[in-house]
Amino acid sequence: MVFGRPHQKAEPEKVSQSRDGVYLFPPKGLNIVWGNDPRYWMIPQNGPAWLMQVSWLEVSGSVRVTKGRKYRVKFEVSLDADSFGFKGTTLLIMAKVGKNGAYNYDEVTLAQAGKLTIPNKTSGLEVQIPSDASDPTLYFGLYEVWSGKWKGGLEIHKALVQPA
């Protein structure tokens, strides 16, 4: 473990915003539970984070967004040919506005090897930011913490938060 901390804490300076308002979160811009423990994750400075094995999958991020707008949250991931623990397992993409907000979520399943954008390339989990939000921070993540199954072979390429 690096510096004795088992979890990777997001490096905000790694997050970028394009001219059309899309926030791009590379793996180093995300919080990854067990991400600093090389028994569970390999996270290079550049490129995808590779999940070796965990039973608790939690990858999350946050960004201050514009009040009164709607955003889509997406993750670009892939499963390698030797992936395990994902067949028949539901993952949740969750998002909320403000620390005390209520979560919206989409259920997704990863059934095949290859690169995917989840929920998918055209939709994404949509979240409306209230125009009177006291805290316009969008908290989001990809989770599978309920099945108890060990999972591996997942690559996290990036997360996206884009205006809808």
N, C-alpha and C. Protein backbone atom coordinates (compact mmCIF):
# COMPACT_ATOMS: atom_id res chain seq x y z
N MET A 1 0.84 -1.19 0.00
CA MET A 1 0.00 0.00 0.00
C MET A 1 0.88 1.24 0.00
N VAL A 2 0.45 2.24 -0.70
CA VAL A 2 1.18 3.49 -0.76
C VAL A 2 0.84 4.32 0.47
N PHE A 3 1.84 4.69 1.25
CA PHE A 3 1.68 5.54 2.42
C PHE A 3 0.68 4.97 3.43
N GLY A 4 0.43 3.67 3.40
CA GLY A 4 -0.44 3.05 4.39
C GLY A 4 -1.92 3.30 4.20
N ARG A 5 -2.33 3.95 3.11
CA ARG A 5 -3.75 4.20 2.85
C ARG A 5 -4.24 3.20 1.81
N PRO A 6 -5.28 2.43 2.13
CA PRO A 6 -5.72 1.42 1.16
C PRO A 6 -6.54 1.98 0.00
N HIS A 7 -7.13 3.16 0.16
CA HIS A 7 -8.03 3.69 -0.86
C HIS A 7 -7.37 4.83 -1.63
N GLN A 8 -7.67 4.87 -2.94
CA GLN A 8 -7.17 5.98 -3.75
C GLN A 8 -8.10 7.17 -3.60
N LYS A 9 -7.53 8.30 -3.26
CA LYS A 9 -8.28 9.55 -3.16
C LYS A 9 -8.10 10.29 -4.49
N ALA A 10 -9.21 10.82 -5.00
CA ALA A 10 -9.20 11.52 -6.28
C ALA A 10 -8.20 12.67 -6.27
N GLU A 11 -7.53 12.86 -7.38
CA GLU A 11 -6.64 14.00 -7.59
C GLU A 11 -7.40 14.99 -8.47
N PRO A 12 -7.99 16.04 -7.87
CA PRO A 12 -8.84 16.96 -8.62
C PRO A 12 -8.17 17.59 -9.84
N GLU A 13 -6.86 17.77 -9.79
CA GLU A 13 -6.16 18.38 -10.92
C GLU A 13 -6.15 17.48 -12.15
N LYS A 14 -6.47 16.22 -12.00
CA LYS A 14 -6.52 15.29 -13.14
C LYS A 14 -7.83 15.43 -13.93
N VAL A 15 -8.85 16.02 -13.33
CA VAL A 15 -10.15 16.18 -13.98
C VAL A 15 -10.07 17.36 -14.95
N SER A 16 -10.61 17.19 -16.15
CA SER A 16 -10.59 18.28 -17.13
C SER A 16 -12.01 18.56 -17.61
N GLN A 17 -12.19 19.75 -18.16
CA GLN A 17 -13.48 20.15 -18.71
C GLN A 17 -13.26 20.62 -20.14
N SER A 18 -14.06 20.07 -21.08
CA SER A 18 -13.94 20.46 -22.48
C SER A 18 -14.72 21.74 -22.73
N ARG A 19 -14.55 22.30 -23.92
CA ARG A 19 -15.25 23.54 -24.27
C ARG A 19 -16.76 23.38 -24.26
N ASP A 20 -17.24 22.17 -24.54
CA ASP A 20 -18.69 21.96 -24.54
C ASP A 20 -19.21 21.55 -23.16
N GLY A 21 -18.39 21.73 -22.13
CA GLY A 21 -18.84 21.54 -20.75
C GLY A 21 -18.78 20.13 -20.23
N VAL A 22 -18.15 19.19 -20.94
CA VAL A 22 -18.05 17.80 -20.49
C VAL A 22 -16.86 17.69 -19.53
N TYR A 23 -17.12 17.12 -18.35
CA TYR A 23 -16.07 16.84 -17.38
C TYR A 23 -15.56 15.44 -17.62
N LEU A 24 -14.24 15.29 -17.73
CA LEU A 24 -13.60 14.01 -17.97
C LEU A 24 -12.81 13.62 -16.73
N PHE A 25 -13.12 12.45 -16.20
CA PHE A 25 -12.46 11.93 -15.00
C PHE A 25 -11.64 10.71 -15.39
N PRO A 26 -10.32 10.85 -15.53
CA PRO A 26 -9.50 9.65 -15.72
C PRO A 26 -9.44 8.89 -14.39
N PRO A 27 -8.93 7.67 -14.36
CA PRO A 27 -8.90 6.92 -13.10
C PRO A 27 -8.27 7.67 -11.94
N LYS A 28 -7.21 8.43 -12.18
CA LYS A 28 -6.56 9.17 -11.09
C LYS A 28 -7.44 10.32 -10.57
N GLY A 29 -8.48 10.70 -11.31
CA GLY A 29 -9.41 11.74 -10.88
C GLY A 29 -10.60 11.19 -10.11
N LEU A 30 -10.57 9.89 -9.81
CA LEU A 30 -11.68 9.22 -9.12
C LEU A 30 -11.21 8.66 -7.78
N ASN A 31 -12.16 8.54 -6.85
CA ASN A 31 -11.92 7.82 -5.60
C ASN A 31 -12.16 6.34 -5.90
N ILE A 32 -11.22 5.49 -5.53
CA ILE A 32 -11.36 4.06 -5.77
C ILE A 32 -11.07 3.32 -4.47
N VAL A 33 -12.12 2.67 -3.95
CA VAL A 33 -11.95 1.90 -2.72
C VAL A 33 -11.00 0.74 -3.00
N TRP A 34 -10.00 0.58 -2.15
CA TRP A 34 -8.91 -0.38 -2.26
C TRP A 34 -7.96 -0.05 -3.41
N GLY A 35 -8.07 1.15 -3.98
CA GLY A 35 -7.27 1.54 -5.14
C GLY A 35 -5.79 1.71 -4.88
N ASN A 36 -5.37 1.91 -3.64
CA ASN A 36 -3.94 2.05 -3.33
C ASN A 36 -3.32 0.73 -2.87
N ASP A 37 -4.09 -0.34 -2.95
CA ASP A 37 -3.59 -1.64 -2.52
C ASP A 37 -3.33 -2.50 -3.77
N PRO A 38 -2.06 -2.77 -4.09
CA PRO A 38 -1.74 -3.50 -5.32
C PRO A 38 -2.24 -4.94 -5.35
N ARG A 39 -2.77 -5.44 -4.25
CA ARG A 39 -3.39 -6.77 -4.29
C ARG A 39 -4.74 -6.72 -5.00
N TYR A 40 -5.31 -5.50 -5.11
CA TYR A 40 -6.67 -5.37 -5.62
C TYR A 40 -6.77 -4.57 -6.93
N TRP A 41 -5.99 -3.53 -7.08
CA TRP A 41 -6.05 -2.66 -8.26
C TRP A 41 -4.66 -2.35 -8.76
N MET A 42 -4.55 -2.16 -10.07
CA MET A 42 -3.35 -1.58 -10.69
C MET A 42 -3.82 -0.29 -11.35
N ILE A 43 -3.29 0.85 -10.87
CA ILE A 43 -3.73 2.14 -11.38
C ILE A 43 -2.49 2.92 -11.82
N PRO A 44 -2.21 2.92 -13.13
CA PRO A 44 -1.05 3.65 -13.62
C PRO A 44 -1.32 5.15 -13.65
N GLN A 45 -0.28 5.94 -13.82
CA GLN A 45 -0.45 7.40 -13.93
C GLN A 45 -1.35 7.75 -15.10
N ASN A 46 -1.18 7.06 -16.21
CA ASN A 46 -1.99 7.27 -17.41
C ASN A 46 -2.54 5.92 -17.84
N GLY A 47 -3.70 5.92 -18.43
CA GLY A 47 -4.31 4.68 -18.88
C GLY A 47 -5.33 4.18 -17.89
N PRO A 48 -5.97 3.08 -18.24
CA PRO A 48 -7.07 2.58 -17.41
C PRO A 48 -6.61 1.97 -16.10
N ALA A 49 -7.52 2.03 -15.11
CA ALA A 49 -7.31 1.32 -13.85
C ALA A 49 -7.78 -0.11 -14.07
N TRP A 50 -7.02 -1.08 -13.61
CA TRP A 50 -7.37 -2.49 -13.82
C TRP A 50 -7.65 -3.14 -12.48
N LEU A 51 -8.84 -3.69 -12.37
CA LEU A 51 -9.28 -4.38 -11.16
C LEU A 51 -8.75 -5.81 -11.17
N MET A 52 -7.93 -6.14 -10.20
CA MET A 52 -7.42 -7.50 -10.08
C MET A 52 -8.46 -8.36 -9.35
N GLN A 53 -8.92 -7.87 -8.19
CA GLN A 53 -9.95 -8.58 -7.45
C GLN A 53 -10.43 -7.74 -6.28
N VAL A 54 -11.73 -7.64 -6.13
CA VAL A 54 -12.36 -7.05 -4.95
C VAL A 54 -13.73 -7.68 -4.78
N SER A 55 -14.24 -7.62 -3.60
CA SER A 55 -15.64 -7.99 -3.40
C SER A 55 -16.48 -6.72 -3.22
N TRP A 56 -15.83 -5.60 -2.96
CA TRP A 56 -16.48 -4.31 -2.73
C TRP A 56 -16.03 -3.34 -3.81
N LEU A 57 -16.85 -3.16 -4.85
CA LEU A 57 -16.51 -2.28 -5.95
C LEU A 57 -17.15 -0.92 -5.72
N GLU A 58 -16.32 0.09 -5.54
CA GLU A 58 -16.80 1.45 -5.33
C GLU A 58 -15.81 2.42 -5.98
N VAL A 59 -16.28 3.06 -7.06
CA VAL A 59 -15.49 4.04 -7.81
C VAL A 59 -16.35 5.30 -7.88
N SER A 60 -15.86 6.42 -7.34
CA SER A 60 -16.73 7.59 -7.23
C SER A 60 -15.97 8.88 -7.53
N GLY A 61 -16.75 9.93 -7.76
CA GLY A 61 -16.19 11.24 -8.02
C GLY A 61 -17.19 12.32 -7.68
N SER A 62 -16.76 13.56 -7.80
CA SER A 62 -17.66 14.69 -7.57
C SER A 62 -17.16 15.89 -8.34
N VAL A 63 -18.12 16.77 -8.67
CA VAL A 63 -17.78 17.99 -9.40
C VAL A 63 -18.87 19.03 -9.14
N ARG A 64 -18.45 20.29 -9.00
CA ARG A 64 -19.43 21.39 -8.89
C ARG A 64 -19.95 21.69 -10.28
N VAL A 65 -21.26 21.72 -10.39
CA VAL A 65 -21.90 21.92 -11.69
C VAL A 65 -22.79 23.16 -11.64
N THR A 66 -23.42 23.48 -12.77
CA THR A 66 -24.23 24.68 -12.89
C THR A 66 -25.66 24.42 -12.42
N LYS A 67 -26.15 25.27 -11.55
CA LYS A 67 -27.53 25.17 -11.07
C LYS A 67 -28.50 25.30 -12.24
N GLY A 68 -29.61 24.56 -12.16
CA GLY A 68 -30.65 24.65 -13.17
C GLY A 68 -30.38 23.85 -14.44
N ARG A 69 -29.27 23.12 -14.50
CA ARG A 69 -28.94 22.32 -15.69
C ARG A 69 -29.13 20.85 -15.41
N LYS A 70 -29.21 20.09 -16.46
CA LYS A 70 -29.31 18.64 -16.37
C LYS A 70 -27.99 18.06 -16.88
N TYR A 71 -27.51 17.02 -16.21
CA TYR A 71 -26.26 16.37 -16.58
C TYR A 71 -26.47 14.87 -16.73
N ARG A 72 -25.59 14.26 -17.53
CA ARG A 72 -25.54 12.81 -17.68
C ARG A 72 -24.24 12.29 -17.09
N VAL A 73 -24.33 11.19 -16.37
CA VAL A 73 -23.15 10.54 -15.80
C VAL A 73 -22.95 9.22 -16.54
N LYS A 74 -21.71 8.99 -17.00
CA LYS A 74 -21.37 7.76 -17.71
C LYS A 74 -20.00 7.26 -17.27
N PHE A 75 -19.79 5.99 -17.40
CA PHE A 75 -18.48 5.37 -17.17
C PHE A 75 -18.09 4.61 -18.42
N GLU A 76 -16.85 4.76 -18.85
CA GLU A 76 -16.33 3.94 -19.94
C GLU A 76 -15.47 2.86 -19.30
N VAL A 77 -15.87 1.62 -19.51
CA VAL A 77 -15.21 0.48 -18.87
C VAL A 77 -15.00 -0.62 -19.91
N SER A 78 -14.21 -1.62 -19.54
CA SER A 78 -14.11 -2.83 -20.35
C SER A 78 -13.86 -4.01 -19.43
N LEU A 79 -14.24 -5.17 -19.92
CA LEU A 79 -13.96 -6.43 -19.24
C LEU A 79 -12.97 -7.19 -20.10
N ASP A 80 -11.92 -7.74 -19.46
CA ASP A 80 -11.00 -8.55 -20.25
C ASP A 80 -11.55 -9.97 -20.36
N ALA A 81 -10.92 -10.77 -21.19
CA ALA A 81 -11.41 -12.12 -21.47
C ALA A 81 -11.41 -13.01 -20.23
N ASP A 82 -10.56 -12.71 -19.25
CA ASP A 82 -10.48 -13.52 -18.04
C ASP A 82 -11.25 -12.91 -16.87
N SER A 83 -12.14 -11.97 -17.15
CA SER A 83 -12.90 -11.33 -16.06
C SER A 83 -13.76 -12.37 -15.34
N PHE A 84 -14.06 -12.05 -14.08
CA PHE A 84 -14.88 -12.97 -13.29
C PHE A 84 -15.74 -12.18 -12.31
N GLY A 85 -16.84 -12.79 -11.89
CA GLY A 85 -17.70 -12.20 -10.86
C GLY A 85 -18.73 -11.23 -11.37
N PHE A 86 -18.78 -10.96 -12.68
CA PHE A 86 -19.73 -9.99 -13.21
C PHE A 86 -20.96 -10.63 -13.83
N LYS A 87 -20.87 -11.88 -14.21
CA LYS A 87 -22.00 -12.55 -14.83
C LYS A 87 -23.16 -12.64 -13.83
N GLY A 88 -24.30 -12.08 -14.23
CA GLY A 88 -25.48 -12.11 -13.36
C GLY A 88 -25.42 -11.14 -12.19
N THR A 89 -24.43 -10.26 -12.19
CA THR A 89 -24.27 -9.30 -11.10
C THR A 89 -24.70 -7.91 -11.58
N THR A 90 -25.53 -7.26 -10.80
CA THR A 90 -25.99 -5.91 -11.14
C THR A 90 -25.08 -4.88 -10.50
N LEU A 91 -24.62 -3.92 -11.32
CA LEU A 91 -23.87 -2.78 -10.82
C LEU A 91 -24.80 -1.58 -10.84
N LEU A 92 -24.55 -0.63 -9.98
CA LEU A 92 -25.35 0.59 -9.95
C LEU A 92 -24.47 1.78 -10.29
N ILE A 93 -24.98 2.63 -11.18
CA ILE A 93 -24.42 3.95 -11.37
C ILE A 93 -25.33 4.87 -10.58
N MET A 94 -24.77 5.58 -9.62
CA MET A 94 -25.58 6.40 -8.73
C MET A 94 -25.08 7.84 -8.77
N ALA A 95 -26.01 8.77 -8.54
CA ALA A 95 -25.64 10.19 -8.49
C ALA A 95 -26.62 10.93 -7.59
N LYS A 96 -26.11 11.97 -6.95
CA LYS A 96 -26.95 12.82 -6.13
C LYS A 96 -26.40 14.24 -6.18
N VAL A 97 -27.27 15.19 -5.86
CA VAL A 97 -26.89 16.60 -5.82
C VAL A 97 -26.72 16.99 -4.36
N GLY A 98 -25.53 17.46 -4.01
CA GLY A 98 -25.25 17.86 -2.63
C GLY A 98 -25.01 16.65 -1.74
N LYS A 99 -24.28 16.86 -0.66
CA LYS A 99 -23.97 15.77 0.27
C LYS A 99 -25.21 15.09 0.82
N ASN A 100 -26.27 15.86 1.05
CA ASN A 100 -27.48 15.31 1.65
C ASN A 100 -28.57 14.98 0.64
N GLY A 101 -28.25 15.02 -0.66
CA GLY A 101 -29.24 14.75 -1.69
C GLY A 101 -29.66 13.29 -1.74
N ALA A 102 -30.75 13.04 -2.43
CA ALA A 102 -31.24 11.68 -2.63
C ALA A 102 -30.61 11.12 -3.91
N TYR A 103 -30.23 9.85 -3.87
CA TYR A 103 -29.59 9.23 -5.02
C TYR A 103 -30.59 8.89 -6.12
N ASN A 104 -30.18 9.13 -7.37
CA ASN A 104 -30.80 8.56 -8.56
C ASN A 104 -29.86 7.43 -8.96
N TYR A 105 -30.39 6.40 -9.63
CA TYR A 105 -29.49 5.33 -10.04
C TYR A 105 -30.02 4.61 -11.27
N ASP A 106 -29.11 3.97 -11.97
CA ASP A 106 -29.39 3.06 -13.08
C ASP A 106 -28.72 1.74 -12.76
N GLU A 107 -29.42 0.65 -13.03
CA GLU A 107 -28.83 -0.67 -12.88
C GLU A 107 -28.22 -1.09 -14.21
N VAL A 108 -27.03 -1.67 -14.15
CA VAL A 108 -26.37 -2.15 -15.36
C VAL A 108 -25.77 -3.52 -15.10
N THR A 109 -25.66 -4.31 -16.15
CA THR A 109 -24.97 -5.59 -16.06
C THR A 109 -23.89 -5.60 -17.13
N LEU A 110 -22.78 -6.20 -16.81
CA LEU A 110 -21.67 -6.34 -17.74
C LEU A 110 -21.57 -7.82 -18.07
N ALA A 111 -21.98 -8.18 -19.26
CA ALA A 111 -22.09 -9.59 -19.59
C ALA A 111 -21.02 -10.10 -20.54
N GLN A 112 -20.27 -9.22 -21.17
CA GLN A 112 -19.33 -9.69 -22.19
C GLN A 112 -18.03 -8.91 -22.11
N ALA A 113 -16.98 -9.55 -22.60
CA ALA A 113 -15.69 -8.88 -22.65
C ALA A 113 -15.73 -7.81 -23.73
N GLY A 114 -14.95 -6.77 -23.55
CA GLY A 114 -14.88 -5.69 -24.52
C GLY A 114 -15.15 -4.36 -23.87
N LYS A 115 -14.98 -3.29 -24.64
CA LYS A 115 -15.12 -1.93 -24.13
C LYS A 115 -16.58 -1.49 -24.19
N LEU A 116 -17.07 -0.89 -23.13
CA LEU A 116 -18.46 -0.46 -23.03
C LEU A 116 -18.53 0.92 -22.41
N THR A 117 -19.55 1.67 -22.76
CA THR A 117 -19.87 2.89 -22.03
C THR A 117 -21.18 2.60 -21.31
N ILE A 118 -21.20 2.76 -20.02
CA ILE A 118 -22.42 2.45 -19.27
C ILE A 118 -22.95 3.71 -18.60
N PRO A 119 -24.27 3.85 -18.56
CA PRO A 119 -25.28 2.94 -19.05
C PRO A 119 -25.15 2.65 -20.55
N ASN A 120 -25.08 3.59 -21.46
CA ASN A 120 -24.71 3.33 -22.84
C ASN A 120 -24.33 4.65 -23.49
N LYS A 121 -23.91 4.59 -24.73
CA LYS A 121 -23.37 5.79 -25.39
C LYS A 121 -24.40 6.91 -25.55
N THR A 122 -25.68 6.58 -25.69
CA THR A 122 -26.66 7.63 -25.96
C THR A 122 -27.38 8.12 -24.72
N SER A 123 -27.52 7.27 -23.71
CA SER A 123 -28.30 7.73 -22.55
C SER A 123 -27.38 8.24 -21.45
N GLY A 124 -27.21 7.48 -20.42
CA GLY A 124 -26.47 7.93 -19.25
C GLY A 124 -27.47 8.22 -18.15
N LEU A 125 -27.00 8.21 -16.94
CA LEU A 125 -27.85 8.54 -15.80
C LEU A 125 -28.05 10.05 -15.80
N GLU A 126 -29.28 10.51 -15.96
CA GLU A 126 -29.56 11.95 -15.99
C GLU A 126 -29.89 12.46 -14.60
N VAL A 127 -29.33 13.61 -14.28
CA VAL A 127 -29.56 14.24 -12.99
C VAL A 127 -29.85 15.72 -13.23
N GLN A 128 -30.98 16.18 -12.71
CA GLN A 128 -31.35 17.60 -12.79
C GLN A 128 -30.79 18.31 -11.56
N ILE A 129 -30.08 19.41 -11.80
CA ILE A 129 -29.54 20.21 -10.71
C ILE A 129 -30.57 21.31 -10.43
N PRO A 130 -31.19 21.31 -9.25
CA PRO A 130 -32.19 22.34 -8.97
C PRO A 130 -31.60 23.75 -9.05
N SER A 131 -32.38 24.69 -9.55
CA SER A 131 -31.89 26.06 -9.66
C SER A 131 -31.69 26.70 -8.29
N ASP A 132 -32.31 26.15 -7.26
CA ASP A 132 -32.13 26.69 -5.91
C ASP A 132 -31.24 25.79 -5.04
N ALA A 133 -30.44 24.93 -5.67
CA ALA A 133 -29.58 24.02 -4.90
C ALA A 133 -28.61 24.82 -4.04
N SER A 134 -28.57 24.50 -2.75
CA SER A 134 -27.62 25.19 -1.87
C SER A 134 -26.20 24.66 -2.09
N ASP A 135 -26.09 23.42 -2.55
CA ASP A 135 -24.79 22.83 -2.85
C ASP A 135 -24.89 22.17 -4.23
N PRO A 136 -24.42 22.84 -5.29
CA PRO A 136 -24.53 22.28 -6.64
C PRO A 136 -23.40 21.30 -6.98
N THR A 137 -22.98 20.51 -6.00
CA THR A 137 -21.97 19.50 -6.25
C THR A 137 -22.67 18.21 -6.63
N LEU A 138 -22.23 17.62 -7.75
CA LEU A 138 -22.78 16.35 -8.20
C LEU A 138 -21.84 15.25 -7.73
N TYR A 139 -22.36 14.35 -6.90
CA TYR A 139 -21.63 13.19 -6.40
C TYR A 139 -22.11 11.99 -7.20
N PHE A 140 -21.19 11.17 -7.70
CA PHE A 140 -21.58 10.05 -8.55
C PHE A 140 -20.64 8.88 -8.34
N GLY A 141 -21.06 7.70 -8.78
CA GLY A 141 -20.18 6.55 -8.66
C GLY A 141 -20.73 5.31 -9.32
N LEU A 142 -19.86 4.32 -9.41
CA LEU A 142 -20.15 2.99 -9.92
C LEU A 142 -19.96 2.03 -8.75
N TYR A 143 -20.99 1.25 -8.44
CA TYR A 143 -20.98 0.44 -7.22
C TYR A 143 -21.45 -0.99 -7.46
N GLU A 144 -20.84 -1.92 -6.77
CA GLU A 144 -21.35 -3.27 -6.58
C GLU A 144 -20.79 -3.72 -5.24
N VAL A 145 -21.61 -3.55 -4.22
CA VAL A 145 -21.17 -3.83 -2.85
C VAL A 145 -22.12 -4.79 -2.13
N TRP A 146 -23.08 -5.33 -2.86
CA TRP A 146 -24.15 -6.09 -2.20
C TRP A 146 -24.04 -7.60 -2.39
N SER A 147 -23.45 -8.06 -3.50
CA SER A 147 -23.49 -9.50 -3.80
C SER A 147 -22.51 -10.31 -2.97
N GLY A 148 -21.41 -9.70 -2.55
CA GLY A 148 -20.37 -10.44 -1.85
C GLY A 148 -19.47 -11.24 -2.78
N LYS A 149 -19.75 -11.20 -4.10
CA LYS A 149 -18.93 -11.93 -5.07
C LYS A 149 -17.59 -11.22 -5.27
N TRP A 150 -16.54 -12.01 -5.44
CA TRP A 150 -15.27 -11.46 -5.85
C TRP A 150 -15.34 -11.18 -7.34
N LYS A 151 -14.81 -10.04 -7.73
CA LYS A 151 -14.85 -9.59 -9.12
C LYS A 151 -13.45 -9.20 -9.55
N GLY A 152 -13.17 -9.40 -10.84
CA GLY A 152 -11.87 -9.00 -11.39
C GLY A 152 -11.94 -8.88 -12.89
N GLY A 153 -10.91 -8.28 -13.47
CA GLY A 153 -10.82 -8.14 -14.91
C GLY A 153 -11.56 -6.95 -15.49
N LEU A 154 -11.95 -6.00 -14.65
CA LEU A 154 -12.62 -4.79 -15.09
C LEU A 154 -11.59 -3.69 -15.27
N GLU A 155 -11.70 -2.95 -16.37
CA GLU A 155 -10.87 -1.76 -16.55
C GLU A 155 -11.78 -0.53 -16.52
N ILE A 156 -11.37 0.46 -15.75
CA ILE A 156 -12.06 1.75 -15.72
C ILE A 156 -11.23 2.70 -16.59
N HIS A 157 -11.79 3.11 -17.72
CA HIS A 157 -11.07 4.02 -18.62
C HIS A 157 -11.30 5.47 -18.22
N LYS A 158 -12.56 5.81 -17.96
CA LYS A 158 -12.87 7.18 -17.55
C LYS A 158 -14.32 7.24 -17.12
N ALA A 159 -14.64 8.33 -16.43
CA ALA A 159 -16.03 8.70 -16.14
C ALA A 159 -16.26 10.04 -16.80
N LEU A 160 -17.52 10.26 -17.20
CA LEU A 160 -17.89 11.50 -17.86
C LEU A 160 -19.12 12.10 -17.16
N VAL A 161 -19.11 13.41 -17.00
CA VAL A 161 -20.28 14.16 -16.56
C VAL A 161 -20.48 15.20 -17.64
N GLN A 162 -21.61 15.09 -18.36
CA GLN A 162 -21.81 15.98 -19.50
C GLN A 162 -23.18 16.63 -19.45
N PRO A 163 -23.28 17.88 -19.92
CA PRO A 163 -24.58 18.52 -19.98
C PRO A 163 -25.54 17.70 -20.84
N ALA A 164 -26.78 17.57 -20.38
CA ALA A 164 -27.78 16.78 -21.13
C ALA A 164 -28.51 17.67 -22.12
